[in-house]
């Protein structure tokens, strides 16, 4: 796989709270590299995940399929060993929590 570096600038409105980064779908679709900035900043804040497992899934909303593909590629580029994705990208919050614990994953993204 070829790793590509993309120059980007930060977004001031990316301040996740206790329930994650809550934004309307159009924000992720219309602002260039919005998802990528958030995912990379999350990876940059972590230690000890090289070779570990990441869990990714969501509720099937518009754009989830593309977002999951982006997260999987970025996880690989950052050194995660494997990524577990729900079938068709579907994975509820309780299911993701269960998968993280069952497979002793490092963590996950729930869309």
C-alpha atoms as a PDB file:
ATOM      1  CA  UNK A   1       0.000   0.000   0.000  1.00  0.00           C
ATOM      2  CA  UNK A   2       1.218   3.470  -0.845  1.00  0.00           C
ATOM      3  CA  UNK A   3       1.118   5.954   2.000  1.00  0.00           C
ATOM      4  CA  UNK A   4       0.212   9.478   0.951  1.00  0.00           C
ATOM      5  CA  UNK A   5       0.716  12.614   3.027  1.00  0.00           C
ATOM      6  CA  UNK A   6      -1.955  15.282   2.566  1.00  0.00           C
ATOM      7  CA  UNK A   7      -1.446  18.871   3.684  1.00  0.00           C
ATOM      8  CA  UNK A   8      -4.449  20.188   5.591  1.00  0.00           C
ATOM      9  CA  UNK A   9      -5.471  22.789   8.136  1.00  0.00           C
ATOM     10  CA  UNK A  10      -7.286  22.311  11.446  1.00  0.00           C
ATOM     11  CA  UNK A  11     -10.972  23.031  12.033  1.00  0.00           C
ATOM     12  CA  UNK A  12     -11.816  25.024  15.152  1.00  0.00           C
ATOM     13  CA  UNK A  13     -15.172  23.259  15.617  1.00  0.00           C
ATOM     14  CA  UNK A  14     -13.713  19.774  16.166  1.00  0.00           C
ATOM     15  CA  UNK A  15     -14.167  19.518  19.909  1.00  0.00           C
ATOM     16  CA  UNK A  16     -15.519  16.115  20.865  1.00  0.00           C
ATOM     17  CA  UNK A  17     -17.435  15.798  24.088  1.00  0.00           C
ATOM     18  CA  UNK A  18     -18.459  12.804  26.165  1.00  0.00           C
ATOM     19  CA  UNK A  19     -20.615  11.558  23.289  1.00  0.00           C
ATOM     20  CA  UNK A  20     -17.951  12.019  20.600  1.00  0.00           C
ATOM     21  CA  UNK A  21     -17.800  14.467  17.732  1.00  0.00           C
ATOM     22  CA  UNK A  22     -21.419  15.327  16.920  1.00  0.00           C
ATOM     23  CA  UNK A  23     -21.920  17.100  13.611  1.00  0.00           C
ATOM     24  CA  UNK A  24     -24.438  16.962  10.794  1.00  0.00           C
ATOM     25  CA  UNK A  25     -23.521  14.648   7.916  1.00  0.00           C
ATOM     26  CA  UNK A  26     -23.177  17.570   5.511  1.00  0.00           C
ATOM     27  CA  UNK A  27     -20.341  19.002   7.631  1.00  0.00           C
ATOM     28  CA  UNK A  28     -18.311  15.842   7.054  1.00  0.00           C
ATOM     29  CA  UNK A  29     -19.199  15.816   3.361  1.00  0.00           C
ATOM     30  CA  UNK A  30     -18.706  19.508   2.557  1.00  0.00           C
ATOM     31  CA  UNK A  31     -15.574  20.445   4.512  1.00  0.00           C
ATOM     32  CA  UNK A  32     -12.402  19.103   2.858  1.00  0.00           C
ATOM     33  CA  UNK A  33     -10.545  16.525   4.992  1.00  0.00           C
ATOM     34  CA  UNK A  34     -12.918  17.048   7.931  1.00  0.00           C
ATOM     35  CA  UNK A  35     -13.145  13.358   8.791  1.00  0.00           C
ATOM     36  CA  UNK A  36      -9.489  12.762   8.001  1.00  0.00           C
ATOM     37  CA  UNK A  37      -8.389  15.587  10.326  1.00  0.00           C
ATOM     38  CA  UNK A  38     -10.420  14.204  13.194  1.00  0.00           C
ATOM     39  CA  UNK A  39      -9.282  10.614  12.693  1.00  0.00           C
ATOM     40  CA  UNK A  40      -5.612  11.573  12.362  1.00  0.00           C
ATOM     41  CA  UNK A  41      -5.746  13.835  15.407  1.00  0.00           C
ATOM     42  CA  UNK A  42      -7.219  10.928  17.357  1.00  0.00           C
ATOM     43  CA  UNK A  43      -4.439   8.589  16.198  1.00  0.00           C
ATOM     44  CA  UNK A  44      -1.827  11.257  16.985  1.00  0.00           C
ATOM     45  CA  UNK A  45      -3.072  11.440  20.584  1.00  0.00           C
ATOM     46  CA  UNK A  46      -2.636   7.684  21.165  1.00  0.00           C
ATOM     47  CA  UNK A  47       0.337   5.568  22.217  1.00  0.00           C
ATOM     48  CA  UNK A  48       0.884   1.833  22.024  1.00  0.00           C
ATOM     49  CA  UNK A  49      -1.523   0.906  19.230  1.00  0.00           C
ATOM     50  CA  UNK A  50       1.006  -0.319  16.624  1.00  0.00           C
ATOM     51  CA  UNK A  51      -0.011  -3.801  15.512  1.00  0.00           C
ATOM     52  CA  UNK A  52      -3.198  -3.725  17.630  1.00  0.00           C
ATOM     53  CA  UNK A  53      -6.824  -4.129  16.586  1.00  0.00           C
ATOM     54  CA  UNK A  54      -9.272  -1.290  15.884  1.00  0.00           C
ATOM     55  CA  UNK A  55     -13.059  -1.756  15.671  1.00  0.00           C
ATOM     56  CA  UNK A  56     -15.114   0.352  13.248  1.00  0.00           C
ATOM     57  CA  UNK A  57     -18.843   0.449  12.554  1.00  0.00           C
ATOM     58  CA  UNK A  58     -21.912   2.601  12.545  1.00  0.00           C
ATOM     59  CA  UNK A  59     -25.674   2.768  12.219  1.00  0.00           C
ATOM     60  CA  UNK A  60     -25.775   2.855   8.426  1.00  0.00           C
ATOM     61  CA  UNK A  61     -26.400   6.550   7.923  1.00  0.00           C
ATOM     62  CA  UNK A  62     -25.567   8.279   4.674  1.00  0.00           C
ATOM     63  CA  UNK A  63     -21.801   8.487   4.176  1.00  0.00           C
ATOM     64  CA  UNK A  64     -20.891   5.718   6.626  1.00  0.00           C
ATOM     65  CA  UNK A  65     -19.575   3.416   3.910  1.00  0.00           C
ATOM     66  CA  UNK A  66     -17.124   6.033   2.627  1.00  0.00           C
ATOM     67  CA  UNK A  67     -16.152   7.100   6.146  1.00  0.00           C
ATOM     68  CA  UNK A  68     -15.397   3.504   7.127  1.00  0.00           C
ATOM     69  CA  UNK A  69     -13.182   3.052   4.068  1.00  0.00           C
ATOM     70  CA  UNK A  70     -11.292   6.217   4.987  1.00  0.00           C
ATOM     71  CA  UNK A  71     -10.828   5.140   8.613  1.00  0.00           C
ATOM     72  CA  UNK A  72      -9.640   1.651   7.601  1.00  0.00           C
ATOM     73  CA  UNK A  73      -7.030   3.081   5.215  1.00  0.00           C
ATOM     74  CA  UNK A  74      -5.847   5.600   7.788  1.00  0.00           C
ATOM     75  CA  UNK A  75      -5.642   2.926  10.492  1.00  0.00           C
ATOM     76  CA  UNK A  76      -3.446   0.791   8.244  1.00  0.00           C
ATOM     77  CA  UNK A  77      -1.253   3.766   7.349  1.00  0.00           C
ATOM     78  CA  UNK A  78      -0.823   4.573  11.053  1.00  0.00           C
ATOM     79  CA  UNK A  79       0.237   1.045  11.975  1.00  0.00           C
ATOM     80  CA  UNK A  80      -2.829  -0.740  13.324  1.00  0.00           C
ATOM     81  CA  UNK A  81      -2.425  -4.486  12.780  1.00  0.00           C
ATOM     82  CA  UNK A  82      -6.026  -5.185  11.854  1.00  0.00           C
ATOM     83  CA  UNK A  83      -9.417  -3.531  11.717  1.00  0.00           C
ATOM     84  CA  UNK A  84     -12.662  -5.304  12.569  1.00  0.00           C
ATOM     85  CA  UNK A  85     -15.656  -3.840  10.712  1.00  0.00           C
ATOM     86  CA  UNK A  86     -19.305  -4.754  11.257  1.00  0.00           C
ATOM     87  CA  UNK A  87     -21.027  -6.596   8.399  1.00  0.00           C
ATOM     88  CA  UNK A  88     -21.945  -3.968   5.769  1.00  0.00           C
ATOM     89  CA  UNK A  89     -20.377  -1.470   8.170  1.00  0.00           C
ATOM     90  CA  UNK A  90     -23.219  -1.879  10.659  1.00  0.00           C
ATOM     91  CA  UNK A  91     -22.274  -2.052  14.318  1.00  0.00           C
ATOM     92  CA  UNK A  92     -24.307  -0.521  17.142  1.00  0.00           C
ATOM     93  CA  UNK A  93     -22.613   1.077  20.127  1.00  0.00           C
ATOM     94  CA  UNK A  94     -23.328  -1.890  22.452  1.00  0.00           C
ATOM     95  CA  UNK A  95     -22.157  -4.330  19.753  1.00  0.00           C
ATOM     96  CA  UNK A  96     -18.958  -2.351  19.189  1.00  0.00           C
ATOM     97  CA  UNK A  97     -18.290  -2.354  22.921  1.00  0.00           C
ATOM     98  CA  UNK A  98     -18.793  -6.108  23.009  1.00  0.00           C
ATOM     99  CA  UNK A  99     -16.469  -6.683  20.037  1.00  0.00           C
ATOM    100  CA  UNK A 100     -13.779  -4.446  21.557  1.00  0.00           C
ATOM    101  CA  UNK A 101     -13.832  -6.436  24.788  1.00  0.00           C
ATOM    102  CA  UNK A 102     -14.201  -9.872  23.186  1.00  0.00           C
ATOM    103  CA  UNK A 103     -11.260  -9.392  20.816  1.00  0.00           C
ATOM    104  CA  UNK A 104      -9.267  -7.228  23.243  1.00  0.00           C
ATOM    105  CA  UNK A 105      -9.112  -4.464  20.653  1.00  0.00           C
ATOM    106  CA  UNK A 106      -7.251  -1.241  21.356  1.00  0.00           C
ATOM    107  CA  UNK A 107     -10.440   0.781  20.753  1.00  0.00           C
ATOM    108  CA  UNK A 108     -12.872   1.785  18.059  1.00  0.00           C
ATOM    109  CA  UNK A 109     -14.704   4.356  15.997  1.00  0.00           C
ATOM    110  CA  UNK A 110     -18.495   4.304  16.108  1.00  0.00           C
ATOM    111  CA  UNK A 111     -20.135   6.381  13.390  1.00  0.00           C
END
